[in-house]
C-alpha atoms as a PDB file:
ATOM      1  CA  MET A   1       7.012  16.748  -4.216  1.00  0.00           C
ATOM      2  CA  ALA A   2       3.216  14.418  -2.933  1.00  0.00           C
ATOM      3  CA  SER A   3       3.206  13.385   0.752  1.00  0.00           C
ATOM      4  CA  VAL A   4       3.643   9.441   0.829  1.00  0.00           C
ATOM      5  CA  GLU A   5      -0.334   8.895   1.716  1.00  0.00           C
ATOM      6  CA  GLU A   6      -0.683  11.027  -1.470  1.00  0.00           C
ATOM      7  CA  ARG A   7       1.351   9.031  -3.559  1.00  0.00           C
ATOM      8  CA  ILE A   8       0.008   5.435  -2.065  1.00  0.00           C
ATOM      9  CA  PHE A   9      -3.452   6.874  -2.618  1.00  0.00           C
ATOM     10  CA  GLU A  10      -2.251   7.260  -6.184  1.00  0.00           C
ATOM     11  CA  LEU A  11      -0.765   4.666  -7.117  1.00  0.00           C
ATOM     12  CA  ALA A  12      -3.841   2.293  -5.417  1.00  0.00           C
ATOM     13  CA  ARG A  13      -5.591   3.678  -7.864  1.00  0.00           C
ATOM     14  CA  GLU A  14      -4.036   3.379 -10.785  1.00  0.00           C
ATOM     15  CA  ASN A  15      -2.735  -0.330  -9.965  1.00  0.00           C
ATOM     16  CA  LEU A  16      -5.357  -1.864  -7.517  1.00  0.00           C
ATOM     17  CA  ASP A  17      -8.758  -2.544  -9.561  1.00  0.00           C
ATOM     18  CA  LEU A  18     -11.113  -1.409  -7.245  1.00  0.00           C
ATOM     19  CA  GLY A  19     -13.826  -0.308  -9.093  1.00  0.00           C
ATOM     20  CA  ARG A  20     -13.554   3.123  -7.036  1.00  0.00           C
ATOM     21  CA  ASP A  21     -11.778   5.147  -4.739  1.00  0.00           C
ATOM     22  CA  PRO A  22      -9.410   3.518  -2.733  1.00  0.00           C
ATOM     23  CA  ASP A  23     -11.075   3.327   1.460  1.00  0.00           C
ATOM     24  CA  TRP A  24      -7.816   3.481   3.794  1.00  0.00           C
ATOM     25  CA  ASP A  25      -9.509   1.684   6.635  1.00  0.00           C
ATOM     26  CA  LEU A  26     -11.322  -1.466   4.817  1.00  0.00           C
ATOM     27  CA  THR A  27      -9.191  -4.129   4.776  1.00  0.00           C
ATOM     28  CA  PHE A  28      -7.629  -5.264   1.370  1.00  0.00           C
ATOM     29  CA  GLY A  29      -9.746  -8.546   1.733  1.00  0.00           C
ATOM     30  CA  GLU A  30     -13.216  -6.254   2.263  1.00  0.00           C
ATOM     31  CA  SER A  31     -11.793  -4.029  -0.580  1.00  0.00           C
ATOM     32  CA  ASP A  32     -12.010  -7.370  -2.484  1.00  0.00           C
ATOM     33  CA  VAL A  33      -7.648  -7.175  -2.754  1.00  0.00           C
ATOM     34  CA  SER A  34      -6.462 -10.581  -3.510  1.00  0.00           C
ATOM     35  CA  SER A  35      -3.375 -11.548  -1.547  1.00  0.00           C
ATOM     36  CA  MET A  36      -1.449 -11.832  -4.880  1.00  0.00           C
ATOM     37  CA  ASP A  37      -2.436  -8.527  -5.870  1.00  0.00           C
ATOM     38  CA  VAL A  38      -1.263  -6.934  -2.361  1.00  0.00           C
ATOM     39  CA  VAL A  39       2.077  -8.810  -2.737  1.00  0.00           C
ATOM     40  CA  ALA A  40       2.309  -7.090  -6.043  1.00  0.00           C
ATOM     41  CA  PHE A  41       1.853  -3.517  -5.299  1.00  0.00           C
ATOM     42  CA  VAL A  42       4.214  -3.828  -1.946  1.00  0.00           C
ATOM     43  CA  LYS A  43       6.756  -4.707  -4.352  1.00  0.00           C
ATOM     44  CA  LEU A  44       5.739  -1.438  -6.831  1.00  0.00           C
ATOM     45  CA  LEU A  45       6.423  -0.005  -3.860  1.00  0.00           C
ATOM     46  CA  ASP A  46      10.142  -0.311  -2.925  1.00  0.00           C
ATOM     47  CA  PRO A  47      11.566   1.517  -6.186  1.00  0.00           C
ATOM     48  CA  GLU A  48       9.224   3.889  -5.846  1.00  0.00           C
ATOM     49  CA  PHE A  49       9.605   5.014  -2.628  1.00  0.00           C
ATOM     50  CA  GLY A  50      13.831   3.847  -2.324  1.00  0.00           C
ATOM     51  CA  ILE A  51      12.854   1.566   0.416  1.00  0.00           C
ATOM     52  CA  GLU A  52      12.911  -2.609   0.960  1.00  0.00           C
ATOM     53  CA  ILE A  53      10.121  -3.529   3.172  1.00  0.00           C
ATOM     54  CA  PRO A  54      11.100  -6.749   5.152  1.00  0.00           C
ATOM     55  CA  PRO A  55       8.278  -9.003   5.025  1.00  0.00           C
ATOM     56  CA  ASP A  56       7.853  -9.102   8.773  1.00  0.00           C
ATOM     57  CA  SER A  57       7.056  -5.596   8.784  1.00  0.00           C
ATOM     58  CA  LEU A  58       3.542  -6.357   6.910  1.00  0.00           C
ATOM     59  CA  ALA A  59       2.342  -9.159   9.334  1.00  0.00           C
ATOM     60  CA  ASP A  60      -0.364  -6.396  10.511  1.00  0.00           C
ATOM     61  CA  VAL A  61      -1.022  -4.728   7.439  1.00  0.00           C
ATOM     62  CA  ASP A  62      -4.306  -5.089   6.321  1.00  0.00           C
ATOM     63  CA  ASN A  63      -5.340  -1.634   5.099  1.00  0.00           C
ATOM     64  CA  LEU A  64      -3.961   1.256   3.156  1.00  0.00           C
ATOM     65  CA  ARG A  65      -3.499   3.524   6.383  1.00  0.00           C
ATOM     66  CA  LYS A  66      -1.332   0.862   8.328  1.00  0.00           C
ATOM     67  CA  LEU A  67       0.763  -0.013   4.580  1.00  0.00           C
ATOM     68  CA  ALA A  68       1.332   3.570   4.460  1.00  0.00           C
ATOM     69  CA  LYS A  69       2.877   4.063   8.172  1.00  0.00           C
ATOM     70  CA  VAL A  70       5.206   1.482   7.398  1.00  0.00           C
ATOM     71  CA  VAL A  71       6.565   2.896   4.070  1.00  0.00           C
ATOM     72  CA  ALA A  72       6.317   6.128   6.082  1.00  0.00           C
ATOM     73  CA  ASP A  73       8.030   5.182   8.930  1.00  0.00           C
ATOM     74  CA  LEU A  74      10.719   3.130   6.410  1.00  0.00           C
ATOM     75  CA  ALA A  75      11.569   6.689   3.988  1.00  0.00           C
ATOM     76  CA  GLY A  76      11.639   8.357   7.082  1.00  0.00           C
END
């Protein structure tokens, strides 16, 4: 079974139109990912990991690394 990070990376590659592999540490803005695309991507993660990501847990999330930590913490 893929780790949370591996699966998020794979999903980002498939669903975020980056034109390259995702970078864990670039902010979504630096990666040219719109806020609407980030919201859609986060909603994709809920059923994928069997969790519900509360909006307040995303306040400081601005890149994939931070998002993966939130998901890993919730998925336990």
